[in-house]
Amino acid sequence: MKELIKEVSAKECHPVRHAILRKGRPLSSCAFEDDQNEDCFHLGLFVQNEIVGIASFIPRAFPEQKTTKPTFQLRGMAVLEAYQGRGFGAQILKHGTALLKEQGVDILWMNARIGAIAFYEKLQFLSVGDLFDIPPIGMHQRMYKELQNE
C-alpha cells in the first residue's frame, strides 16, 4: 500500500476533520477562519486515492514567545480511525515541517488535545504553559517546536 502526501484544499480536509475532530457537530464546524488565508496550506495523505489524513498550517504568531521570524500554527491534524497507528500522522507532520523549514519558518505550534500530547512529544514538540479549555472540545496543551534548530 503506497501513500502519497500532497497539498489539498481546505474543503478536501472537511470529511476527515468532521469524522475525527468534529464528530456529532455540523459539517460547517469543520471550516476554520483562516482556511482561505493565501499563506495557509493544507496537506492530505492519500492511500489508494482516498484522503485518510490531514493537517493545516496557518501563519500565526506564537503567543508564548516573541520572535521576528515567521511562525505557523498547526490545526486540524487528523487521521481516519481505520488508518491510525501506522505512522501516517507523523509522515504528514514531517512533510509539513520540511516545507515550513524551506520557507524559513522558525516555530510550529499547536493547541494539542490531551490525547495527542504523547504523539507530539514523540516528534520532539515541547509543552509550554498550563492546560486550558477550548469549549466545546475540551482540555488542550500548547506545544511547539523550533524548526531552524533541528
C-alpha atoms as a PDB file:
ATOM      1  CA  MET A   1       0.000   0.000   0.000  1.00  0.00           C
ATOM      2  CA  LYS A   2       1.631   3.208  -1.197  1.00  0.00           C
ATOM      3  CA  GLU A   3       0.695   6.516   0.361  1.00  0.00           C
ATOM      4  CA  LEU A   4       1.052   9.983  -1.134  1.00  0.00           C
ATOM      5  CA  ILE A   5       1.169  13.350   0.633  1.00  0.00           C
ATOM      6  CA  LYS A   6       0.170  16.420  -1.346  1.00  0.00           C
ATOM      7  CA  GLU A   7      -1.294  19.866  -0.902  1.00  0.00           C
ATOM      8  CA  VAL A   8      -5.097  19.885  -0.851  1.00  0.00           C
ATOM      9  CA  SER A   9      -7.874  22.440  -0.458  1.00  0.00           C
ATOM     10  CA  ALA A  10      -9.467  23.194   2.897  1.00  0.00           C
ATOM     11  CA  LYS A  11     -12.708  21.706   1.613  1.00  0.00           C
ATOM     12  CA  GLU A  12     -10.955  18.394   0.911  1.00  0.00           C
ATOM     13  CA  CYS A  13      -9.970  18.325   4.608  1.00  0.00           C
ATOM     14  CA  HIS A  14     -13.539  18.666   5.867  1.00  0.00           C
ATOM     15  CA  PRO A  15     -14.618  14.978   5.739  1.00  0.00           C
ATOM     16  CA  VAL A  16     -11.611  13.872   7.828  1.00  0.00           C
ATOM     17  CA  ARG A  17     -11.927  16.863  10.177  1.00  0.00           C
ATOM     18  CA  HIS A  18     -15.585  16.012  10.673  1.00  0.00           C
ATOM     19  CA  ALA A  19     -15.039  12.286  11.285  1.00  0.00           C
ATOM     20  CA  ILE A  20     -12.229  12.756  13.819  1.00  0.00           C
ATOM     21  CA  LEU A  21     -12.285  16.287  15.234  1.00  0.00           C
ATOM     22  CA  ARG A  22     -15.919  17.403  14.980  1.00  0.00           C
ATOM     23  CA  LYS A  23     -17.953  14.195  15.433  1.00  0.00           C
ATOM     24  CA  GLY A  24     -21.602  14.926  16.121  1.00  0.00           C
ATOM     25  CA  ARG A  25     -21.294  18.585  15.180  1.00  0.00           C
ATOM     26  CA  PRO A  26     -22.445  20.252  11.962  1.00  0.00           C
ATOM     27  CA  LEU A  27     -20.188  19.859   8.918  1.00  0.00           C
ATOM     28  CA  SER A  28     -19.943  23.673   8.884  1.00  0.00           C
ATOM     29  CA  SER A  29     -17.928  23.452  12.135  1.00  0.00           C
ATOM     30  CA  CYS A  30     -15.079  21.970  10.074  1.00  0.00           C
ATOM     31  CA  ALA A  31     -14.295  25.281   8.348  1.00  0.00           C
ATOM     32  CA  PHE A  32     -11.572  27.271  10.116  1.00  0.00           C
ATOM     33  CA  GLU A  33     -11.482  31.059   9.921  1.00  0.00           C
ATOM     34  CA  ASP A  34      -8.023  31.046   8.299  1.00  0.00           C
ATOM     35  CA  ASP A  35      -8.596  28.209   5.823  1.00  0.00           C
ATOM     36  CA  GLN A  36      -8.633  30.628   2.911  1.00  0.00           C
ATOM     37  CA  ASN A  37      -5.599  32.664   4.031  1.00  0.00           C
ATOM     38  CA  GLU A  38      -3.326  32.753   0.981  1.00  0.00           C
ATOM     39  CA  ASP A  39      -0.297  31.766   3.101  1.00  0.00           C
ATOM     40  CA  CYS A  40      -2.115  28.858   4.767  1.00  0.00           C
ATOM     41  CA  PHE A  41      -1.642  25.396   3.310  1.00  0.00           C
ATOM     42  CA  HIS A  42      -3.302  22.043   3.845  1.00  0.00           C
ATOM     43  CA  LEU A  43      -1.757  18.614   3.391  1.00  0.00           C
ATOM     44  CA  GLY A  44      -3.576  15.390   2.726  1.00  0.00           C
ATOM     45  CA  LEU A  45      -2.235  11.865   2.954  1.00  0.00           C
ATOM     46  CA  PHE A  46      -3.800   9.553   0.401  1.00  0.00           C
ATOM     47  CA  VAL A  47      -3.961   5.768   0.393  1.00  0.00           C
ATOM     48  CA  GLN A  48      -5.249   4.304  -2.879  1.00  0.00           C
ATOM     49  CA  ASN A  49      -6.614   7.726  -3.893  1.00  0.00           C
ATOM     50  CA  GLU A  50      -8.562   8.133  -0.617  1.00  0.00           C
ATOM     51  CA  ILE A  51      -7.689  11.013   1.707  1.00  0.00           C
ATOM     52  CA  VAL A  52      -7.108   9.419   5.112  1.00  0.00           C
ATOM     53  CA  GLY A  53      -5.034  12.036   6.953  1.00  0.00           C
ATOM     54  CA  ILE A  54      -4.855  15.826   7.001  1.00  0.00           C
ATOM     55  CA  ALA A  55      -3.168  18.823   8.574  1.00  0.00           C
ATOM     56  CA  SER A  56      -3.494  22.584   8.120  1.00  0.00           C
ATOM     57  CA  PHE A  57      -0.605  25.018   8.580  1.00  0.00           C
ATOM     58  CA  ILE A  58      -1.637  28.598   9.307  1.00  0.00           C
ATOM     59  CA  PRO A  59       0.650  31.633   9.626  1.00  0.00           C
ATOM     60  CA  ARG A  60       0.007  32.868  13.147  1.00  0.00           C
ATOM     61  CA  ALA A  61       2.121  34.444  15.884  1.00  0.00           C
ATOM     62  CA  PHE A  62       3.251  32.093  18.649  1.00  0.00           C
ATOM     63  CA  PRO A  63       1.618  33.552  21.780  1.00  0.00           C
ATOM     64  CA  GLU A  64       4.272  32.241  24.168  1.00  0.00           C
ATOM     65  CA  GLN A  65       7.333  33.803  22.582  1.00  0.00           C
ATOM     66  CA  LYS A  66       8.130  36.972  20.722  1.00  0.00           C
ATOM     67  CA  THR A  67      10.114  36.427  17.554  1.00  0.00           C
ATOM     68  CA  THR A  68      10.632  38.437  14.409  1.00  0.00           C
ATOM     69  CA  LYS A  69      10.792  35.260  12.334  1.00  0.00           C
ATOM     70  CA  PRO A  70       7.686  33.636  10.863  1.00  0.00           C
ATOM     71  CA  THR A  71       5.692  31.203  12.996  1.00  0.00           C
ATOM     72  CA  PHE A  72       2.880  28.857  11.961  1.00  0.00           C
ATOM     73  CA  GLN A  73       0.102  27.130  13.858  1.00  0.00           C
ATOM     74  CA  LEU A  74      -0.813  23.521  13.155  1.00  0.00           C
ATOM     75  CA  ARG A  75      -4.578  22.980  13.135  1.00  0.00           C
ATOM     76  CA  GLY A  76      -6.913  20.191  12.182  1.00  0.00           C
ATOM     77  CA  MET A  77      -4.366  17.374  12.342  1.00  0.00           C
ATOM     78  CA  ALA A  78      -6.287  14.108  11.942  1.00  0.00           C
ATOM     79  CA  VAL A  79      -6.070  10.580  10.571  1.00  0.00           C
ATOM     80  CA  LEU A  80      -9.145   8.421   9.994  1.00  0.00           C
ATOM     81  CA  GLU A  81      -9.518   5.812  12.749  1.00  0.00           C
ATOM     82  CA  ALA A  82      -9.024   2.843  10.404  1.00  0.00           C
ATOM     83  CA  TYR A  83      -5.597   4.243   9.445  1.00  0.00           C
ATOM     84  CA  GLN A  84      -4.338   5.355  12.858  1.00  0.00           C
ATOM     85  CA  GLY A  85      -1.277   3.708  14.366  1.00  0.00           C
ATOM     86  CA  ARG A  86       0.514   3.315  11.016  1.00  0.00           C
ATOM     87  CA  GLY A  87       2.724   6.397  11.255  1.00  0.00           C
ATOM     88  CA  PHE A  88       0.632   8.433   8.817  1.00  0.00           C
ATOM     89  CA  GLY A  89       0.187  11.359  11.207  1.00  0.00           C
ATOM     90  CA  ALA A  90       3.947  11.563  11.733  1.00  0.00           C
ATOM     91  CA  GLN A  91       4.503  11.451   7.956  1.00  0.00           C
ATOM     92  CA  ILE A  92       2.134  14.366   7.373  1.00  0.00           C
ATOM     93  CA  LEU A  93       3.699  16.412  10.161  1.00  0.00           C
ATOM     94  CA  LYS A  94       7.269  15.731   8.990  1.00  0.00           C
ATOM     95  CA  HIS A  95       6.316  16.681   5.430  1.00  0.00           C
ATOM     96  CA  GLY A  96       4.727  19.921   6.636  1.00  0.00           C
ATOM     97  CA  THR A  97       7.661  20.864   8.874  1.00  0.00           C
ATOM     98  CA  ALA A  98      10.078  20.276   5.983  1.00  0.00           C
ATOM     99  CA  LEU A  99       8.070  22.705   3.824  1.00  0.00           C
ATOM    100  CA  LEU A 100       7.999  25.271   6.640  1.00  0.00           C
ATOM    101  CA  LYS A 101      11.755  24.977   7.194  1.00  0.00           C
ATOM    102  CA  GLU A 102      12.325  25.673   3.486  1.00  0.00           C
ATOM    103  CA  GLN A 103      10.286  28.882   3.933  1.00  0.00           C
ATOM    104  CA  GLY A 104      12.432  29.954   6.903  1.00  0.00           C
ATOM    105  CA  VAL A 105       9.667  29.438   9.469  1.00  0.00           C
ATOM    106  CA  ASP A 106      11.088  29.496  12.988  1.00  0.00           C
ATOM    107  CA  ILE A 107       8.376  27.865  15.115  1.00  0.00           C
ATOM    108  CA  LEU A 108       5.472  25.492  14.516  1.00  0.00           C
ATOM    109  CA  TRP A 109       2.988  25.435  17.384  1.00  0.00           C
ATOM    110  CA  MET A 110      -0.397  23.984  18.180  1.00  0.00           C
ATOM    111  CA  ASN A 111      -3.088  23.648  20.803  1.00  0.00           C
ATOM    112  CA  ALA A 112      -2.895  19.878  21.297  1.00  0.00           C
ATOM    113  CA  ARG A 113      -5.777  17.844  22.635  1.00  0.00           C
ATOM    114  CA  ILE A 114      -4.863  15.940  25.782  1.00  0.00           C
ATOM    115  CA  GLY A 115      -4.996  12.613  23.947  1.00  0.00           C
ATOM    116  CA  ALA A 116      -2.485  13.826  21.335  1.00  0.00           C
ATOM    117  CA  ILE A 117       0.243  15.172  23.654  1.00  0.00           C
ATOM    118  CA  ALA A 118       2.265  11.925  23.646  1.00  0.00           C
ATOM    119  CA  PHE A 119       2.123  11.814  19.824  1.00  0.00           C
ATOM    120  CA  TYR A 120       3.601  15.312  19.550  1.00  0.00           C
ATOM    121  CA  GLU A 121       6.192  14.630  22.261  1.00  0.00           C
ATOM    122  CA  LYS A 122       7.492  11.663  20.217  1.00  0.00           C
ATOM    123  CA  LEU A 123       8.107  14.161  17.416  1.00  0.00           C
ATOM    124  CA  GLN A 124      10.082  16.465  19.754  1.00  0.00           C
ATOM    125  CA  PHE A 125       7.376  19.057  20.369  1.00  0.00           C
ATOM    126  CA  LEU A 126       7.586  20.719  23.786  1.00  0.00           C
ATOM    127  CA  SER A 127       4.753  21.737  26.106  1.00  0.00           C
ATOM    128  CA  VAL A 128       4.514  25.318  27.318  1.00  0.00           C
ATOM    129  CA  GLY A 129       2.120  26.873  29.824  1.00  0.00           C
ATOM    130  CA  ASP A 130      -0.790  25.295  31.646  1.00  0.00           C
ATOM    131  CA  LEU A 131      -3.613  23.158  30.305  1.00  0.00           C
ATOM    132  CA  PHE A 132      -6.586  25.187  29.094  1.00  0.00           C
ATOM    133  CA  ASP A 133     -10.113  24.523  27.915  1.00  0.00           C
ATOM    134  CA  ILE A 134     -11.384  25.138  24.390  1.00  0.00           C
ATOM    135  CA  PRO A 135     -15.164  24.657  24.674  1.00  0.00           C
ATOM    136  CA  PRO A 136     -16.881  22.537  23.495  1.00  0.00           C
ATOM    137  CA  ILE A 137     -13.857  20.426  22.514  1.00  0.00           C
ATOM    138  CA  GLY A 138     -12.081  20.079  25.858  1.00  0.00           C
ATOM    139  CA  MET A 139      -8.713  20.486  27.517  1.00  0.00           C
ATOM    140  CA  HIS A 140      -5.636  21.372  25.468  1.00  0.00           C
ATOM    141  CA  GLN A 141      -1.907  21.898  25.919  1.00  0.00           C
ATOM    142  CA  ARG A 142       0.020  24.460  23.892  1.00  0.00           C
ATOM    143  CA  MET A 143       3.038  22.819  22.267  1.00  0.00           C
ATOM    144  CA  TYR A 144       5.769  23.994  19.917  1.00  0.00           C
ATOM    145  CA  LYS A 145       8.911  23.051  18.038  1.00  0.00           C
ATOM    146  CA  GLU A 146      11.745  25.284  16.883  1.00  0.00           C
ATOM    147  CA  LEU A 147      12.278  24.266  13.273  1.00  0.00           C
ATOM    148  CA  GLN A 148      15.503  26.070  12.439  1.00  0.00           C
ATOM    149  CA  ASN A 149      17.410  24.374  15.287  1.00  0.00           C
ATOM    150  CA  GLU A 150      16.812  20.835  14.024  1.00  0.00           C
END
